[in-house]
Amino acid sequence: MADRSLRGMRLGTQSLQSEVGVEFSPRKKSTYRTADGETFEVVFAADAEIPGVWESAKSGQEGVLLDGDGVPVVSEEVETKIPRSHWDMLLERRTRAELEELLQERLDYLRARRGQQKIGA
């Protein structure tokens, strides 16, 4: 047993697979510039939608997308709908007075079920 030793690899430093026959997906580099003039590149998939702003990994500032000539790309502002809350949708269907009346009815019902009827009511 002493004449045969087990040999291993360092963990995480080398791969047993080679890159022969591997095709990488198409990629595209996009250049961004921050307000203080720092430029940085971000690699995206070729078919990905490129965002107009991206945060710099070094400084944490937002950079604006540049075109091939180094000019900032002007993006069209898309009007987005403000998300409505459940309360907003409820107020579209009922008035505040109706809601208070419904609330009182439900509270009375629940109190009656528990035997906690208000005294003097």
PDB file of N, CA and C in Angstrom:
ATOM      1  N   MET A   1       0.819  -1.182   0.000  1.00  0.00           N
ATOM      2  CA  MET A   1       0.000   0.000   0.000  1.00  0.00           C
ATOM      3  C   MET A   1       0.864   1.246   0.000  1.00  0.00           C
ATOM      4  N   ALA A   2       2.027   1.162   0.584  1.00  0.00           N
ATOM      5  CA  ALA A   2       2.898   2.326   0.664  1.00  0.00           C
ATOM      6  C   ALA A   2       3.446   2.713  -0.696  1.00  0.00           C
ATOM      7  N   ASP A   3       3.534   1.761  -1.631  1.00  0.00           N
ATOM      8  CA  ASP A   3       4.090   2.090  -2.936  1.00  0.00           C
ATOM      9  C   ASP A   3       3.073   2.819  -3.816  1.00  0.00           C
ATOM     10  N   ARG A   4       1.821   2.776  -3.452  1.00  0.00           N
ATOM     11  CA  ARG A   4       0.791   3.506  -4.205  1.00  0.00           C
ATOM     12  C   ARG A   4       0.244   4.632  -3.342  1.00  0.00           C
ATOM     13  N   SER A   5       0.484   5.830  -3.734  1.00  0.00           N
ATOM     14  CA  SER A   5      -0.052   6.961  -2.960  1.00  0.00           C
ATOM     15  C   SER A   5      -1.177   7.616  -3.755  1.00  0.00           C
ATOM     16  N   LEU A   6      -2.101   8.155  -3.061  1.00  0.00           N
ATOM     17  CA  LEU A   6      -3.204   8.851  -3.696  1.00  0.00           C
ATOM     18  C   LEU A   6      -2.761  10.280  -4.009  1.00  0.00           C
ATOM     19  N   ARG A   7      -3.027  10.674  -5.206  1.00  0.00           N
ATOM     20  CA  ARG A   7      -2.679  12.042  -5.592  1.00  0.00           C
ATOM     21  C   ARG A   7      -3.970  12.824  -5.836  1.00  0.00           C
ATOM     22  N   GLY A   8      -3.969  14.020  -5.391  1.00  0.00           N
ATOM     23  CA  GLY A   8      -5.164  14.835  -5.540  1.00  0.00           C
ATOM     24  C   GLY A   8      -4.861  16.164  -6.199  1.00  0.00           C
ATOM     25  N   MET A   9      -5.864  16.965  -6.301  1.00  0.00           N
ATOM     26  CA  MET A   9      -5.723  18.291  -6.903  1.00  0.00           C
ATOM     27  C   MET A   9      -6.013  19.331  -5.819  1.00  0.00           C
ATOM     28  N   ARG A  10      -5.506  20.492  -6.037  1.00  0.00           N
ATOM     29  CA  ARG A  10      -5.842  21.593  -5.134  1.00  0.00           C
ATOM     30  C   ARG A  10      -7.307  21.960  -5.367  1.00  0.00           C
ATOM     31  N   LEU A  11      -8.018  22.175  -4.320  1.00  0.00           N
ATOM     32  CA  LEU A  11      -9.443  22.463  -4.446  1.00  0.00           C
ATOM     33  C   LEU A  11      -9.678  23.836  -5.047  1.00  0.00           C
ATOM     34  N   GLY A  12     -10.511  23.882  -6.043  1.00  0.00           N
ATOM     35  CA  GLY A  12     -10.955  25.151  -6.595  1.00  0.00           C
ATOM     36  C   GLY A  12      -9.967  25.872  -7.476  1.00  0.00           C
ATOM     37  N   THR A  13      -8.801  25.355  -7.725  1.00  0.00           N
ATOM     38  CA  THR A  13      -7.832  26.103  -8.517  1.00  0.00           C
ATOM     39  C   THR A  13      -7.706  25.597  -9.934  1.00  0.00           C
ATOM     40  N   GLN A  14      -7.994  24.339 -10.182  1.00  0.00           N
ATOM     41  CA  GLN A  14      -7.846  23.796 -11.522  1.00  0.00           C
ATOM     42  C   GLN A  14      -9.053  22.946 -11.870  1.00  0.00           C
ATOM     43  N   SER A  15      -9.422  22.987 -13.131  1.00  0.00           N
ATOM     44  CA  SER A  15     -10.542  22.195 -13.601  1.00  0.00           C
ATOM     45  C   SER A  15     -10.014  21.023 -14.410  1.00  0.00           C
ATOM     46  N   LEU A  16     -10.682  19.912 -14.346  1.00  0.00           N
ATOM     47  CA  LEU A  16     -10.305  18.758 -15.133  1.00  0.00           C
ATOM     48  C   LEU A  16     -10.912  18.812 -16.530  1.00  0.00           C
ATOM     49  N   GLN A  17     -11.788  19.770 -16.784  1.00  0.00           N
ATOM     50  CA  GLN A  17     -12.405  19.903 -18.099  1.00  0.00           C
ATOM     51  C   GLN A  17     -11.613  20.888 -18.933  1.00  0.00           C
ATOM     52  N   SER A  18     -11.612  20.662 -20.219  1.00  0.00           N
ATOM     53  CA  SER A  18     -10.937  21.597 -21.126  1.00  0.00           C
ATOM     54  C   SER A  18     -11.996  22.387 -21.886  1.00  0.00           C
ATOM     55  N   GLU A  19     -11.569  23.421 -22.580  1.00  0.00           N
ATOM     56  CA  GLU A  19     -12.490  24.256 -23.339  1.00  0.00           C
ATOM     57  C   GLU A  19     -12.578  23.817 -24.793  1.00  0.00           C
ATOM     58  N   VAL A  20     -12.085  22.649 -25.099  1.00  0.00           N
ATOM     59  CA  VAL A  20     -12.137  22.137 -26.461  1.00  0.00           C
ATOM     60  C   VAL A  20     -13.574  21.790 -26.806  1.00  0.00           C
ATOM     61  N   GLY A  21     -14.065  22.312 -27.909  1.00  0.00           N
ATOM     62  CA  GLY A  21     -15.421  22.031 -28.365  1.00  0.00           C
ATOM     63  C   GLY A  21     -16.495  22.843 -27.669  1.00  0.00           C
ATOM     64  N   VAL A  22     -16.120  23.779 -26.830  1.00  0.00           N
ATOM     65  CA  VAL A  22     -17.098  24.599 -26.116  1.00  0.00           C
ATOM     66  C   VAL A  22     -17.333  25.874 -26.908  1.00  0.00           C
ATOM     67  N   GLU A  23     -18.588  26.176 -27.175  1.00  0.00           N
ATOM     68  CA  GLU A  23     -18.935  27.425 -27.864  1.00  0.00           C
ATOM     69  C   GLU A  23     -19.582  28.359 -26.850  1.00  0.00           C
ATOM     70  N   PHE A  24     -18.988  29.515 -26.666  1.00  0.00           N
ATOM     71  CA  PHE A  24     -19.545  30.493 -25.749  1.00  0.00           C
ATOM     72  C   PHE A  24     -20.710  31.208 -26.424  1.00  0.00           C
ATOM     73  N   SER A  25     -21.664  31.635 -25.627  1.00  0.00           N
ATOM     74  CA  SER A  25     -22.801  32.368 -26.181  1.00  0.00           C
ATOM     75  C   SER A  25     -22.321  33.726 -26.678  1.00  0.00           C
ATOM     76  N   PRO A  26     -22.989  34.263 -27.691  1.00  0.00           N
ATOM     77  CA  PRO A  26     -22.583  35.569 -28.207  1.00  0.00           C
ATOM     78  C   PRO A  26     -22.744  36.652 -27.149  1.00  0.00           C
ATOM     79  N   ARG A  27     -21.757  37.531 -27.080  1.00  0.00           N
ATOM     80  CA  ARG A  27     -21.755  38.587 -26.066  1.00  0.00           C
ATOM     81  C   ARG A  27     -21.517  39.940 -26.705  1.00  0.00           C
ATOM     82  N   LYS A  28     -21.852  40.971 -25.942  1.00  0.00           N
ATOM     83  CA  LYS A  28     -21.669  42.331 -26.431  1.00  0.00           C
ATOM     84  C   LYS A  28     -21.207  43.201 -25.270  1.00  0.00           C
ATOM     85  N   LYS A  29     -20.168  44.011 -25.503  1.00  0.00           N
ATOM     86  CA  LYS A  29     -19.686  44.939 -24.469  1.00  0.00           C
ATOM     87  C   LYS A  29     -20.400  46.271 -24.617  1.00  0.00           C
ATOM     88  N   SER A  30     -20.818  46.806 -23.506  1.00  0.00           N
ATOM     89  CA  SER A  30     -21.442  48.127 -23.482  1.00  0.00           C
ATOM     90  C   SER A  30     -20.607  49.021 -22.585  1.00  0.00           C
ATOM     91  N   THR A  31     -20.396  50.244 -23.031  1.00  0.00           N
ATOM     92  CA  THR A  31     -19.580  51.199 -22.285  1.00  0.00           C
ATOM     93  C   THR A  31     -20.486  52.211 -21.596  1.00  0.00           C
ATOM     94  N   TYR A  32     -20.144  52.504 -20.353  1.00  0.00           N
ATOM     95  CA  TYR A  32     -20.898  53.467 -19.554  1.00  0.00           C
ATOM     96  C   TYR A  32     -19.947  54.525 -19.015  1.00  0.00           C
ATOM     97  N   ARG A  33     -20.477  55.737 -18.768  1.00  0.00           N
ATOM     98  CA  ARG A  33     -19.676  56.828 -18.196  1.00  0.00           C
ATOM     99  C   ARG A  33     -20.436  57.437 -17.029  1.00  0.00           C
ATOM    100  N   THR A  34     -19.715  57.605 -15.901  1.00  0.00           N
ATOM    101  CA  THR A  34     -20.322  58.215 -14.721  1.00  0.00           C
ATOM    102  C   THR A  34     -20.236  59.735 -14.816  1.00  0.00           C
ATOM    103  N   ALA A  35     -20.847  60.419 -13.872  1.00  0.00           N
ATOM    104  CA  ALA A  35     -20.863  61.886 -13.868  1.00  0.00           C
ATOM    105  C   ALA A  35     -19.457  62.466 -13.702  1.00  0.00           C
ATOM    106  N   ASP A  36     -18.569  61.749 -12.982  1.00  0.00           N
ATOM    107  CA  ASP A  36     -17.215  62.275 -12.782  1.00  0.00           C
ATOM    108  C   ASP A  36     -16.255  61.880 -13.914  1.00  0.00           C
ATOM    109  N   GLY A  37     -16.763  61.251 -14.994  1.00  0.00           N
ATOM    110  CA  GLY A  37     -15.943  60.963 -16.162  1.00  0.00           C
ATOM    111  C   GLY A  37     -15.369  59.554 -16.218  1.00  0.00           C
ATOM    112  N   GLU A  38     -15.581  58.748 -15.191  1.00  0.00           N
ATOM    113  CA  GLU A  38     -15.076  57.374 -15.203  1.00  0.00           C
ATOM    114  C   GLU A  38     -15.863  56.558 -16.236  1.00  0.00           C
ATOM    115  N   THR A  39     -15.148  55.806 -17.072  1.00  0.00           N
ATOM    116  CA  THR A  39     -15.809  54.919 -18.021  1.00  0.00           C
ATOM    117  C   THR A  39     -15.535  53.474 -17.620  1.00  0.00           C
ATOM    118  N   PHE A  40     -16.513  52.635 -17.841  1.00  0.00           N
ATOM    119  CA  PHE A  40     -16.363  51.212 -17.531  1.00  0.00           C
ATOM    120  C   PHE A  40     -17.200  50.407 -18.517  1.00  0.00           C
ATOM    121  N   GLU A  41     -16.810  49.163 -18.694  1.00  0.00           N
ATOM    122  CA  GLU A  41     -17.507  48.288 -19.636  1.00  0.00           C
ATOM    123  C   GLU A  41     -18.228  47.178 -18.895  1.00  0.00           C
ATOM    124  N   VAL A  42     -19.375  46.804 -19.432  1.00  0.00           N
ATOM    125  CA  VAL A  42     -20.169  45.709 -18.889  1.00  0.00           C
ATOM    126  C   VAL A  42     -20.491  44.777 -20.053  1.00  0.00           C
ATOM    127  N   VAL A  43     -20.329  43.474 -19.842  1.00  0.00           N
ATOM    128  CA  VAL A  43     -20.595  42.494 -20.886  1.00  0.00           C
ATOM    129  C   VAL A  43     -22.001  41.927 -20.691  1.00  0.00           C
ATOM    130  N   PHE A  44     -22.786  41.967 -21.773  1.00  0.00           N
ATOM    131  CA  PHE A  44     -24.140  41.439 -21.777  1.00  0.00           C
ATOM    132  C   PHE A  44     -24.260  40.374 -22.854  1.00  0.00           C
ATOM    133  N   ALA A  45     -25.276  39.539 -22.761  1.00  0.00           N
ATOM    134  CA  ALA A  45     -25.587  38.609 -23.838  1.00  0.00           C
ATOM    135  C   ALA A  45     -25.994  39.419 -25.056  1.00  0.00           C
ATOM    136  N   ALA A  46     -25.705  38.902 -26.245  1.00  0.00           N
ATOM    137  CA  ALA A  46     -25.964  39.646 -27.475  1.00  0.00           C
ATOM    138  C   ALA A  46     -27.448  39.949 -27.657  1.00  0.00           C
ATOM    139  N   ASP A  47     -28.323  39.088 -27.177  1.00  0.00           N
ATOM    140  CA  ASP A  47     -29.755  39.304 -27.353  1.00  0.00           C
ATOM    141  C   ASP A  47     -30.417  39.987 -26.154  1.00  0.00           C
ATOM    142  N   ALA A  48     -29.627  40.421 -25.177  1.00  0.00           N
ATOM    143  CA  ALA A  48     -30.186  41.069 -23.982  1.00  0.00           C
ATOM    144  C   ALA A  48     -30.542  42.520 -24.268  1.00  0.00           C
ATOM    145  N   GLU A  49     -31.540  43.007 -23.544  1.00  0.00           N
ATOM    146  CA  GLU A  49     -31.901  44.419 -23.646  1.00  0.00           C
ATOM    147  C   GLU A  49     -30.927  45.212 -22.785  1.00  0.00           C
ATOM    148  N   ILE A  50     -30.210  46.144 -23.389  1.00  0.00           N
ATOM    149  CA  ILE A  50     -29.162  46.888 -22.686  1.00  0.00           C
ATOM    150  C   ILE A  50     -29.802  48.038 -21.911  1.00  0.00           C
ATOM    151  N   PRO A  51     -29.578  48.105 -20.579  1.00  0.00           N
ATOM    152  CA  PRO A  51     -30.159  49.202 -19.793  1.00  0.00           C
ATOM    153  C   PRO A  51     -29.446  50.524 -20.065  1.00  0.00           C
ATOM    154  N   GLY A  52     -30.167  51.617 -19.902  1.00  0.00           N
ATOM    155  CA  GLY A  52     -29.612  52.946 -20.158  1.00  0.00           C
ATOM    156  C   GLY A  52     -28.647  53.413 -19.087  1.00  0.00           C
ATOM    157  N   VAL A  53     -28.793  52.918 -17.859  1.00  0.00           N
ATOM    158  CA  VAL A  53     -27.879  53.266 -16.766  1.00  0.00           C
ATOM    159  C   VAL A  53     -27.426  51.987 -16.086  1.00  0.00           C
ATOM    160  N   TRP A  54     -26.196  52.031 -15.543  1.00  0.00           N
ATOM    161  CA  TRP A  54     -25.631  50.875 -14.847  1.00  0.00           C
ATOM    162  C   TRP A  54     -24.726  51.390 -13.756  1.00  0.00           C
ATOM    163  N   GLU A  55     -24.711  50.705 -12.616  1.00  0.00           N
ATOM    164  CA  GLU A  55     -23.903  51.126 -11.481  1.00  0.00           C
ATOM    165  C   GLU A  55     -22.475  50.639 -11.637  1.00  0.00           C
ATOM    166  N   SER A  56     -21.518  51.536 -11.428  1.00  0.00           N
ATOM    167  CA  SER A  56     -20.101  51.195 -11.517  1.00  0.00           C
ATOM    168  C   SER A  56     -19.707  50.304 -10.354  1.00  0.00           C
ATOM    169  N   ALA A  57     -18.948  49.255 -10.653  1.00  0.00           N
ATOM    170  CA  ALA A  57     -18.506  48.335  -9.599  1.00  0.00           C
ATOM    171  C   ALA A  57     -17.450  48.990  -8.707  1.00  0.00           C
ATOM    172  N   LYS A  58     -16.675  49.923  -9.251  1.00  0.00           N
ATOM    173  CA  LYS A  58     -15.618  50.580  -8.470  1.00  0.00           C
ATOM    174  C   LYS A  58     -16.153  51.679  -7.574  1.00  0.00           C
ATOM    175  N   SER A  59     -16.863  52.637  -8.183  1.00  0.00           N
ATOM    176  CA  SER A  59     -17.263  53.825  -7.429  1.00  0.00           C
ATOM    177  C   SER A  59     -18.687  53.756  -6.890  1.00  0.00           C
ATOM    178  N   GLY A  60     -19.533  52.895  -7.453  1.00  0.00           N
ATOM    179  CA  GLY A  60     -20.913  52.807  -7.019  1.00  0.00           C
ATOM    180  C   GLY A  60     -21.806  53.873  -7.623  1.00  0.00           C
ATOM    181  N   GLN A  61     -21.250  54.721  -8.497  1.00  0.00           N
ATOM    182  CA  GLN A  61     -22.044  55.755  -9.148  1.00  0.00           C
ATOM    183  C   GLN A  61     -22.737  55.174 -10.369  1.00  0.00           C
ATOM    184  N   GLU A  62     -23.840  55.806 -10.764  1.00  0.00           N
ATOM    185  CA  GLU A  62     -24.547  55.355 -11.947  1.00  0.00           C
ATOM    186  C   GLU A  62     -23.878  55.909 -13.188  1.00  0.00           C
ATOM    187  N   GLY A  63     -23.672  55.030 -14.160  1.00  0.00           N
ATOM    188  CA  GLY A  63     -23.103  55.438 -15.431  1.00  0.00           C
ATOM    189  C   GLY A  63     -24.158  55.425 -16.508  1.00  0.00           C
ATOM    190  N   VAL A  64     -24.002  56.329 -17.489  1.00  0.00           N
ATOM    191  CA  VAL A  64     -24.934  56.439 -18.606  1.00  0.00           C
ATOM    192  C   VAL A  64     -24.358  55.678 -19.792  1.00  0.00           C
ATOM    193  N   LEU A  65     -25.196  54.968 -20.516  1.00  0.00           N
ATOM    194  CA  LEU A  65     -24.781  54.182 -21.671  1.00  0.00           C
ATOM    195  C   LEU A  65     -24.232  55.084 -22.759  1.00  0.00           C
ATOM    196  N   LEU A  66     -23.095  54.686 -23.349  1.00  0.00           N
ATOM    197  CA  LEU A  66     -22.483  55.425 -24.448  1.00  0.00           C
ATOM    198  C   LEU A  66     -22.637  54.629 -25.732  1.00  0.00           C
ATOM    199  N   ASP A  67     -22.789  55.338 -26.863  1.00  0.00           N
ATOM    200  CA  ASP A  67     -22.827  54.635 -28.140  1.00  0.00           C
ATOM    201  C   ASP A  67     -21.400  54.413 -28.641  1.00  0.00           C
ATOM    202  N   GLY A  68     -21.241  53.937 -29.858  1.00  0.00           N
ATOM    203  CA  GLY A  68     -19.926  53.612 -30.403  1.00  0.00           C
ATOM    204  C   GLY A  68     -18.995  54.810 -30.503  1.00  0.00           C
ATOM    205  N   ASP A  69     -19.545  56.023 -30.621  1.00  0.00           N
ATOM    206  CA  ASP A  69     -18.726  57.239 -30.742  1.00  0.00           C
ATOM    207  C   ASP A  69     -18.430  57.887 -29.404  1.00  0.00           C
ATOM    208  N   GLY A  70     -18.898  57.318 -28.318  1.00  0.00           N
ATOM    209  CA  GLY A  70     -18.661  57.876 -26.991  1.00  0.00           C
ATOM    210  C   GLY A  70     -19.662  58.931 -26.592  1.00  0.00           C
ATOM    211  N   VAL A  71     -20.769  59.022 -27.310  1.00  0.00           N
ATOM    212  CA  VAL A  71     -21.820  59.994 -27.003  1.00  0.00           C
ATOM    213  C   VAL A  71     -22.896  59.291 -26.181  1.00  0.00           C
ATOM    214  N   PRO A  72     -23.354  59.925 -25.100  1.00  0.00           N
ATOM    215  CA  PRO A  72     -24.401  59.293 -24.286  1.00  0.00           C
ATOM    216  C   PRO A  72     -25.658  59.004 -25.102  1.00  0.00           C
ATOM    217  N   VAL A  73     -26.220  57.839 -24.895  1.00  0.00           N
ATOM    218  CA  VAL A  73     -27.434  57.426 -25.595  1.00  0.00           C
ATOM    219  C   VAL A  73     -28.625  58.061 -24.890  1.00  0.00           C
ATOM    220  N   VAL A  74     -29.463  58.722 -25.660  1.00  0.00           N
ATOM    221  CA  VAL A  74     -30.661  59.342 -25.103  1.00  0.00           C
ATOM    222  C   VAL A  74     -31.782  58.319 -25.186  1.00  0.00           C
ATOM    223  N   SER A  75     -32.285  57.912 -24.034  1.00  0.00           N
ATOM    224  CA  SER A  75     -33.364  56.925 -24.010  1.00  0.00           C
ATOM    225  C   SER A  75     -34.693  57.643 -23.914  1.00  0.00           C
ATOM    226  N   GLU A  76     -35.689  57.070 -24.555  1.00  0.00           N
ATOM    227  CA  GLU A  76     -37.028  57.646 -24.501  1.00  0.00           C
ATOM    228  C   GLU A  76     -37.662  57.283 -23.172  1.00  0.00           C
ATOM    229  N   GLU A  77     -38.207  58.275 -22.520  1.00  0.00           N
ATOM    230  CA  GLU A  77     -38.878  58.042 -21.247  1.00  0.00           C
ATOM    231  C   GLU A  77     -40.205  57.346 -21.517  1.00  0.00           C
ATOM    232  N   VAL A  78     -40.343  56.164 -21.024  1.00  0.00           N
ATOM    233  CA  VAL A  78     -41.587  55.422 -21.178  1.00  0.00           C
ATOM    234  C   VAL A  78     -42.473  55.748 -19.985  1.00  0.00           C
ATOM    235  N   GLU A  79     -43.687  56.171 -20.289  1.00  0.00           N
ATOM    236  CA  GLU A  79     -44.611  56.518 -19.213  1.00  0.00           C
ATOM    237  C   GLU A  79     -45.087  55.239 -18.547  1.00  0.00           C
ATOM    238  N   THR A  80     -44.759  55.110 -17.280  1.00  0.00           N
ATOM    239  CA  THR A  80     -45.146  53.911 -16.550  1.00  0.00           C
ATOM    240  C   THR A  80     -46.333  54.232 -15.659  1.00  0.00           C
ATOM    241  N   LYS A  81     -47.185  53.245 -15.502  1.00  0.00           N
ATOM    242  CA  LYS A  81     -48.340  53.431 -14.634  1.00  0.00           C
ATOM    243  C   LYS A  81     -47.885  53.299 -13.188  1.00  0.00           C
ATOM    244  N   ILE A  82     -48.408  54.162 -12.363  1.00  0.00           N
ATOM    245  CA  ILE A  82     -48.108  54.088 -10.937  1.00  0.00           C
ATOM    246  C   ILE A  82     -48.888  52.906 -10.381  1.00  0.00           C
ATOM    247  N   PRO A  83     -48.216  52.005  -9.687  1.00  0.00           N
ATOM    248  CA  PRO A  83     -48.944  50.850  -9.161  1.00  0.00           C
ATOM    249  C   PRO A  83     -50.002  51.274  -8.137  1.00  0.00           C
ATOM    250  N   ARG A  84     -51.161  50.642  -8.259  1.00  0.00           N
ATOM    251  CA  ARG A  84     -52.253  50.963  -7.347  1.00  0.00           C
ATOM    252  C   ARG A  84     -52.242  49.970  -6.199  1.00  0.00           C
ATOM    253  N   SER A  85     -52.518  50.456  -5.027  1.00  0.00           N
ATOM    254  CA  SER A  85     -52.595  49.587  -3.855  1.00  0.00           C
ATOM    255  C   SER A  85     -54.013  49.006  -3.749  1.00  0.00           C
ATOM    256  N   HIS A  86     -54.175  48.056  -2.855  1.00  0.00           N
ATOM    257  CA  HIS A  86     -55.498  47.480  -2.622  1.00  0.00           C
ATOM    258  C   HIS A  86     -56.468  48.563  -2.135  1.00  0.00           C
ATOM    259  N   TRP A  87     -55.951  49.466  -1.327  1.00  0.00           N
ATOM    260  CA  TRP A  87     -56.788  50.549  -0.789  1.00  0.00           C
ATOM    261  C   TRP A  87     -57.291  51.444  -1.914  1.00  0.00           C
ATOM    262  N   ASP A  88     -56.410  51.773  -2.876  1.00  0.00           N
ATOM    263  CA  ASP A  88     -56.818  52.610  -4.005  1.00  0.00           C
ATOM    264  C   ASP A  88     -57.929  51.942  -4.814  1.00  0.00           C
ATOM    265  N   MET A  89     -57.769  50.644  -5.063  1.00  0.00           N
ATOM    266  CA  MET A  89     -58.782  49.927  -5.838  1.00  0.00           C
ATOM    267  C   MET A  89     -60.096  49.821  -5.064  1.00  0.00           C
ATOM    268  N   LEU A  90     -60.005  49.688  -3.748  1.00  0.00           N
ATOM    269  CA  LEU A  90     -61.201  49.620  -2.923  1.00  0.00           C
ATOM    270  C   LEU A  90     -61.954  50.955  -2.952  1.00  0.00           C
ATOM    271  N   LEU A  91     -61.205  52.055  -2.911  1.00  0.00           N
ATOM    272  CA  LEU A  91     -61.840  53.379  -2.948  1.00  0.00           C
ATOM    273  C   LEU A  91     -62.466  53.678  -4.300  1.00  0.00           C
ATOM    274  N   GLU A  92     -62.040  52.952  -5.355  1.00  0.00           N
ATOM    275  CA  GLU A  92     -62.680  53.135  -6.654  1.00  0.00           C
ATOM    276  C   GLU A  92     -64.066  52.504  -6.679  1.00  0.00           C
ATOM    277  N   ARG A  93     -64.287  51.489  -5.846  1.00  0.00           N
ATOM    278  CA  ARG A  93     -65.559  50.762  -5.855  1.00  0.00           C
ATOM    279  C   ARG A  93     -66.547  51.266  -4.800  1.00  0.00           C
ATOM    280  N   ARG A  94     -66.028  51.777  -3.672  1.00  0.00           N
ATOM    281  CA  ARG A  94     -66.915  52.178  -2.570  1.00  0.00           C
ATOM    282  C   ARG A  94     -66.471  53.530  -2.021  1.00  0.00           C
ATOM    283  N   THR A  95     -67.424  54.211  -1.400  1.00  0.00           N
ATOM    284  CA  THR A  95     -67.082  55.478  -0.757  1.00  0.00           C
ATOM    285  C   THR A  95     -66.561  55.174   0.644  1.00  0.00           C
ATOM    286  N   ARG A  96     -65.958  56.173   1.238  1.00  0.00           N
ATOM    287  CA  ARG A  96     -65.402  55.988   2.579  1.00  0.00           C
ATOM    288  C   ARG A  96     -66.508  55.717   3.604  1.00  0.00           C
ATOM    289  N   ALA A  97     -67.650  56.363   3.423  1.00  0.00           N
ATOM    290  CA  ALA A  97     -68.779  56.154   4.342  1.00  0.00           C
ATOM    291  C   ALA A  97     -69.283  54.712   4.256  1.00  0.00           C
ATOM    292  N   GLU A  98     -69.362  54.168   3.033  1.00  0.00           N
ATOM    293  CA  GLU A  98     -69.787  52.776   2.865  1.00  0.00           C
ATOM    294  C   GLU A  98     -68.797  51.822   3.527  1.00  0.00           C
ATOM    295  N   LEU A  99     -67.529  52.125   3.400  1.00  0.00           N
ATOM    296  CA  LEU A  99     -66.507  51.268   4.002  1.00  0.00           C
ATOM    297  C   LEU A  99     -66.586  51.291   5.523  1.00  0.00           C
ATOM    298  N   GLU A 100     -66.821  52.469   6.102  1.00  0.00           N
ATOM    299  CA  GLU A 100     -66.955  52.557   7.555  1.00  0.00           C
ATOM    300  C   GLU A 100     -68.184  51.798   8.044  1.00  0.00           C
ATOM    301  N   GLU A 101     -69.265  51.854   7.264  1.00  0.00           N
ATOM    302  CA  GLU A 101     -70.481  51.124   7.629  1.00  0.00           C
ATOM    303  C   GLU A 101     -70.226  49.607   7.567  1.00  0.00           C
ATOM    304  N   LEU A 102     -69.556  49.136   6.524  1.00  0.00           N
ATOM    305  CA  LEU A 102     -69.226  47.717   6.410  1.00  0.00           C
ATOM    306  C   LEU A 102     -68.316  47.260   7.544  1.00  0.00           C
ATOM    307  N   LEU A 103     -67.354  48.099   7.885  1.00  0.00           N
ATOM    308  CA  LEU A 103     -66.448  47.769   8.982  1.00  0.00           C
ATOM    309  C   LEU A 103     -67.215  47.626  10.289  1.00  0.00           C
ATOM    310  N   GLN A 104     -68.116  48.542  10.551  1.00  0.00           N
ATOM    311  CA  GLN A 104     -68.904  48.483  11.785  1.00  0.00           C
ATOM    312  C   GLN A 104     -69.770  47.231  11.820  1.00  0.00           C
ATOM    313  N   GLU A 105     -70.390  46.868  10.671  1.00  0.00           N
ATOM    314  CA  GLU A 105     -71.213  45.655  10.610  1.00  0.00           C
ATOM    315  C   GLU A 105     -70.371  44.420  10.931  1.00  0.00           C
ATOM    316  N   ARG A 106     -69.186  44.330  10.363  1.00  0.00           N
ATOM    317  CA  ARG A 106     -68.322  43.170  10.591  1.00  0.00           C
ATOM    318  C   ARG A 106     -67.841  43.111  12.039  1.00  0.00           C
ATOM    319  N   LEU A 107     -67.503  44.272  12.608  1.00  0.00           N
ATOM    320  CA  LEU A 107     -67.072  44.296  14.007  1.00  0.00           C
ATOM    321  C   LEU A 107     -68.201  43.855  14.928  1.00  0.00           C
ATOM    322  N   ASP A 108     -69.428  44.326  14.654  1.00  0.00           N
ATOM    323  CA  ASP A 108     -70.577  43.912  15.458  1.00  0.00           C
ATOM    324  C   ASP A 108     -70.798  42.415  15.354  1.00  0.00           C
ATOM    325  N   TYR A 109     -70.694  41.880  14.139  1.00  0.00           N
ATOM    326  CA  TYR A 109     -70.872  40.443  13.920  1.00  0.00           C
ATOM    327  C   TYR A 109     -69.829  39.628  14.693  1.00  0.00           C
ATOM    328  N   LEU A 110     -68.574  40.042  14.607  1.00  0.00           N
ATOM    329  CA  LEU A 110     -67.495  39.315  15.290  1.00  0.00           C
ATOM    330  C   LEU A 110     -67.634  39.401  16.807  1.00  0.00           C
ATOM    331  N   ARG A 111     -68.019  40.556  17.304  1.00  0.00           N
ATOM    332  CA  ARG A 111     -68.197  40.705  18.750  1.00  0.00           C
ATOM    333  C   ARG A 111     -69.350  39.849  19.243  1.00  0.00           C
ATOM    334  N   ALA A 112     -70.415  39.757  18.433  1.00  0.00           N
ATOM    335  CA  ALA A 112     -71.568  38.938  18.820  1.00  0.00           C
ATOM    336  C   ALA A 112     -71.188  37.466  18.838  1.00  0.00           C
ATOM    337  N   ARG A 113     -70.349  37.036  17.908  1.00  0.00           N
ATOM    338  CA  ARG A 113     -69.916  35.636  17.883  1.00  0.00           C
ATOM    339  C   ARG A 113     -69.070  35.292  19.095  1.00  0.00           C
ATOM    340  N   ARG A 114     -68.295  36.240  19.565  1.00  0.00           N
ATOM    341  CA  ARG A 114     -67.416  35.995  20.710  1.00  0.00           C
ATOM    342  C   ARG A 114     -68.127  36.259  22.034  1.00  0.00           C
ATOM    343  N   GLY A 115     -69.317  36.807  21.976  1.00  0.00           N
ATOM    344  CA  GLY A 115     -70.022  37.114  23.204  1.00  0.00           C
ATOM    345  C   GLY A 115     -69.535  38.397  23.844  1.00  0.00           C
ATOM    346  N   GLN A 116     -69.025  39.294  23.062  1.00  0.00           N
ATOM    347  CA  GLN A 116     -68.485  40.535  23.591  1.00  0.00           C
ATOM    348  C   GLN A 116     -69.338  41.709  23.133  1.00  0.00           C
ATOM    349  N   GLN A 117     -70.628  41.519  23.143  1.00  0.00           N
ATOM    350  CA  GLN A 117     -71.524  42.577  22.709  1.00  0.00           C
ATOM    351  C   GLN A 117     -71.275  43.819  23.581  1.00  0.00           C
ATOM    352  N   LYS A 118     -71.179  44.979  22.944  1.00  0.00           N
ATOM    353  CA  LYS A 118     -70.950  46.218  23.683  1.00  0.00           C
ATOM    354  C   LYS A 118     -72.135  46.512  24.590  1.00  0.00           C
ATOM    355  N   ILE A 119     -71.850  46.950  25.819  1.00  0.00           N
ATOM    356  CA  ILE A 119     -72.886  47.288  26.777  1.00  0.00           C
ATOM    357  C   ILE A 119     -73.440  48.659  26.408  1.00  0.00           C
ATOM    358  N   GLY A 120     -74.749  48.762  26.353  1.00  0.00           N
ATOM    359  CA  GLY A 120     -75.380  50.023  26.033  1.00  0.00           C
ATOM    360  C   GLY A 120     -75.578  50.223  24.548  1.00  0.00           C
ATOM    361  N   ALA A 121     -75.301  49.220  23.746  1.00  0.00           N
ATOM    362  CA  ALA A 121     -75.460  49.366  22.296  1.00  0.00           C
ATOM    363  C   ALA A 121     -76.761  48.758  21.843  1.00  0.00           C
TER     364      ALA A 121
END
